[in-house]
Amino acid sequence: MKALIQRVKGASVTINEQCVGTIEQGVLAYIGLGHDDTLQSAQRMVDKILTYRIFENDDDPAKYGKLDKNVQQVAGGLLLVSQFTLMAKTDKGRRPDFGGAMAPDMAQTLFAQLVAYAKTQHANVATGQFGADMQVSSINDGPLNFLLEVK
């Protein structure tokens, strides 16, 4: 499982000109699911995203400007977007190979479980719609982007 996370000042997902998910300051997380991913790996990924320290600590003068707080500590939002293209193999040729991505029916179920778990762990969780043609807008803060992996 892979997650591309971005620290954002705000982000939203629109489908057919209707906003289906939005957050203010927080983390936009694109989630890629692979063949071997399970509910346990999904839970580990959510836990990692929620505790990954990518926000500055402005409260402690000794830590001013250091990335010392996570999204929960800053009461930020979490926007989860399913993104199978993260699982593409790109090392050969000029066309991505999506063979590493989980089958859509299984991925939809696991992504729904991931979202449900995230909502039990964090108060402000939004999401896109699995398999839809989504327009994602974000104001990247920093910019700070990290590729997280859970095996």
Protein backbone atom coordinates (compact mmCIF):
# COMPACT_ATOMS: atom_id res chain seq x y z
CA MET A 1 0.00 0.00 0.00
CA LYS A 2 1.19 3.46 -0.86
CA ALA A 3 -0.02 6.87 0.18
CA LEU A 4 1.06 10.16 -1.32
CA ILE A 5 0.32 12.69 1.39
CA GLN A 6 0.35 16.45 1.03
CA ARG A 7 0.18 19.08 3.74
CA VAL A 8 -2.53 21.45 2.54
CA LYS A 9 -4.16 24.70 3.52
CA GLY A 10 -7.33 23.31 1.95
CA ALA A 11 -8.47 20.61 -0.46
CA SER A 12 -11.66 19.39 -2.10
CA VAL A 13 -13.02 16.74 -4.43
CA THR A 14 -15.64 17.59 -7.04
CA ILE A 15 -17.64 15.12 -9.14
CA ASN A 16 -19.97 16.38 -11.88
CA GLU A 17 -19.59 19.93 -10.57
CA GLN A 18 -20.69 18.91 -7.04
CA CYS A 19 -18.29 19.04 -4.12
CA VAL A 20 -18.32 15.63 -2.40
CA GLY A 21 -15.50 16.15 0.10
CA THR A 22 -13.62 19.13 1.48
CA ILE A 23 -11.18 20.00 4.25
CA GLU A 24 -9.44 23.12 5.42
CA GLN A 25 -5.89 22.83 6.83
CA GLY A 26 -4.76 19.23 7.01
CA VAL A 27 -3.62 16.31 4.89
CA LEU A 28 -4.70 15.27 1.41
CA ALA A 29 -3.87 11.57 1.05
CA TYR A 30 -3.96 9.67 -2.23
CA ILE A 31 -4.18 5.94 -1.44
CA GLY A 32 -2.91 3.18 -3.75
CA LEU A 33 -3.92 -0.40 -2.95
CA GLY A 34 -1.90 -3.41 -4.10
CA HIS A 35 -2.67 -7.12 -4.42
CA ASP A 36 -1.36 -8.09 -0.98
CA ASP A 37 -2.99 -5.28 1.01
CA THR A 38 -5.35 -6.17 3.85
CA LEU A 39 -7.49 -4.47 6.44
CA GLN A 40 -4.51 -4.64 8.81
CA SER A 41 -2.19 -2.87 6.37
CA ALA A 42 -4.91 -0.29 5.71
CA GLN A 43 -5.22 0.39 9.44
CA ARG A 44 -1.44 0.71 9.76
CA MET A 45 -1.43 3.20 6.89
CA VAL A 46 -4.18 5.31 8.46
CA ASP A 47 -2.32 5.28 11.77
CA LYS A 48 0.89 6.33 10.02
CA ILE A 49 -0.82 9.16 8.14
CA LEU A 50 -2.53 10.46 11.28
CA THR A 51 0.69 10.44 13.33
CA TYR A 52 3.16 11.54 10.64
CA ARG A 53 4.71 14.80 11.85
CA ILE A 54 4.52 17.31 9.00
CA PHE A 55 3.24 20.41 10.80
CA GLU A 56 5.41 23.02 12.51
CA ASN A 57 5.45 23.34 16.27
CA ASP A 58 4.77 27.02 16.87
CA ASP A 59 3.86 26.46 20.54
CA ASP A 60 7.34 25.59 21.82
CA PRO A 61 10.03 28.23 21.13
CA ALA A 62 12.72 25.52 21.29
CA LYS A 63 11.00 23.65 18.44
CA TYR A 64 9.80 26.64 16.42
CA GLY A 65 9.74 25.85 12.72
CA LYS A 66 10.44 22.14 13.17
CA LEU A 67 8.08 19.53 11.77
CA ASP A 68 6.95 18.27 15.15
CA LYS A 69 3.14 17.93 15.03
CA ASN A 70 0.77 15.59 13.23
CA VAL A 71 -2.64 16.28 11.70
CA GLN A 72 -4.43 15.23 14.89
CA GLN A 73 -2.39 17.62 17.03
CA VAL A 74 -3.27 20.57 14.80
CA ALA A 75 -6.94 19.49 14.56
CA GLY A 76 -6.61 19.35 10.78
CA GLY A 77 -8.74 17.58 8.22
CA LEU A 78 -7.95 14.36 6.37
CA LEU A 79 -9.11 14.01 2.76
CA LEU A 80 -8.74 10.43 1.45
CA VAL A 81 -8.75 9.80 -2.30
CA SER A 82 -8.38 6.36 -3.88
CA GLN A 83 -5.58 6.47 -6.47
CA PHE A 84 -4.72 3.18 -8.18
CA THR A 85 -2.10 4.89 -10.37
CA LEU A 86 0.24 5.03 -7.35
CA MET A 87 0.72 1.28 -7.82
CA ALA A 88 1.92 1.65 -11.43
CA LYS A 89 5.25 0.20 -12.44
CA THR A 90 7.12 2.89 -14.35
CA ASP A 91 10.67 1.55 -14.54
CA LYS A 92 10.41 0.28 -18.13
CA GLY A 93 9.03 1.80 -21.28
CA ARG A 94 6.88 4.87 -21.69
CA ARG A 95 3.52 3.50 -20.57
CA PRO A 96 2.61 2.74 -16.94
CA ASP A 97 1.90 -0.88 -15.99
CA PHE A 98 -1.05 -1.06 -13.58
CA GLY A 99 -0.68 -4.79 -12.93
CA GLY A 100 0.36 -4.08 -9.33
CA ALA A 101 -2.97 -2.48 -8.42
CA MET A 102 -5.64 -4.43 -6.57
CA ALA A 103 -8.69 -5.45 -8.63
CA PRO A 104 -11.34 -2.71 -8.53
CA ASP A 105 -14.06 -4.68 -6.70
CA MET A 106 -11.68 -5.76 -3.94
CA ALA A 107 -10.06 -2.31 -3.80
CA GLN A 108 -13.44 -0.61 -3.40
CA THR A 109 -14.24 -2.79 -0.37
CA LEU A 110 -10.82 -2.27 1.23
CA PHE A 111 -10.87 1.47 0.58
CA ALA A 112 -14.30 1.71 2.25
CA GLN A 113 -12.91 -0.18 5.25
CA LEU A 114 -9.90 2.16 5.35
CA VAL A 115 -12.19 5.20 5.35
CA ALA A 116 -14.42 3.71 8.05
CA TYR A 117 -11.38 3.02 10.24
CA ALA A 118 -10.03 6.54 9.66
CA LYS A 119 -13.36 7.98 10.83
CA THR A 120 -13.07 6.03 14.10
CA GLN A 121 -9.58 7.47 14.67
CA HIS A 122 -10.03 11.10 13.59
CA ALA A 123 -12.94 13.51 13.78
CA ASN A 124 -12.50 15.36 10.47
CA VAL A 125 -12.33 12.87 7.58
CA ALA A 126 -13.62 13.50 4.06
CA THR A 127 -13.29 11.42 0.91
CA GLY A 128 -13.78 11.31 -2.79
CA GLN A 129 -15.85 8.63 -4.51
CA PHE A 130 -14.17 5.39 -5.46
CA GLY A 131 -13.88 4.90 -9.22
CA ALA A 132 -15.41 8.25 -10.12
CA ASP A 133 -13.92 10.86 -12.42
CA MET A 134 -12.85 13.28 -9.70
CA GLN A 135 -11.45 16.77 -9.87
CA VAL A 136 -9.19 17.31 -6.88
CA SER A 137 -8.24 20.84 -5.90
CA SER A 138 -5.70 21.66 -3.25
CA ILE A 139 -3.59 24.45 -1.88
CA ASN A 140 -0.35 22.66 -1.11
CA ASP A 141 1.29 24.10 2.01
CA GLY A 142 5.06 24.25 1.82
CA PRO A 143 4.92 22.40 -0.50
CA LEU A 144 5.34 19.26 1.58
CA ASN A 145 4.68 15.90 -0.10
CA PHE A 146 5.66 12.46 1.18
CA LEU A 147 5.30 8.97 -0.28
CA LEU A 148 4.46 6.53 2.52
CA GLU A 149 4.51 2.75 2.14
CA VAL A 150 3.18 -0.04 4.31
CA LYS A 151 3.93 -3.66 3.50
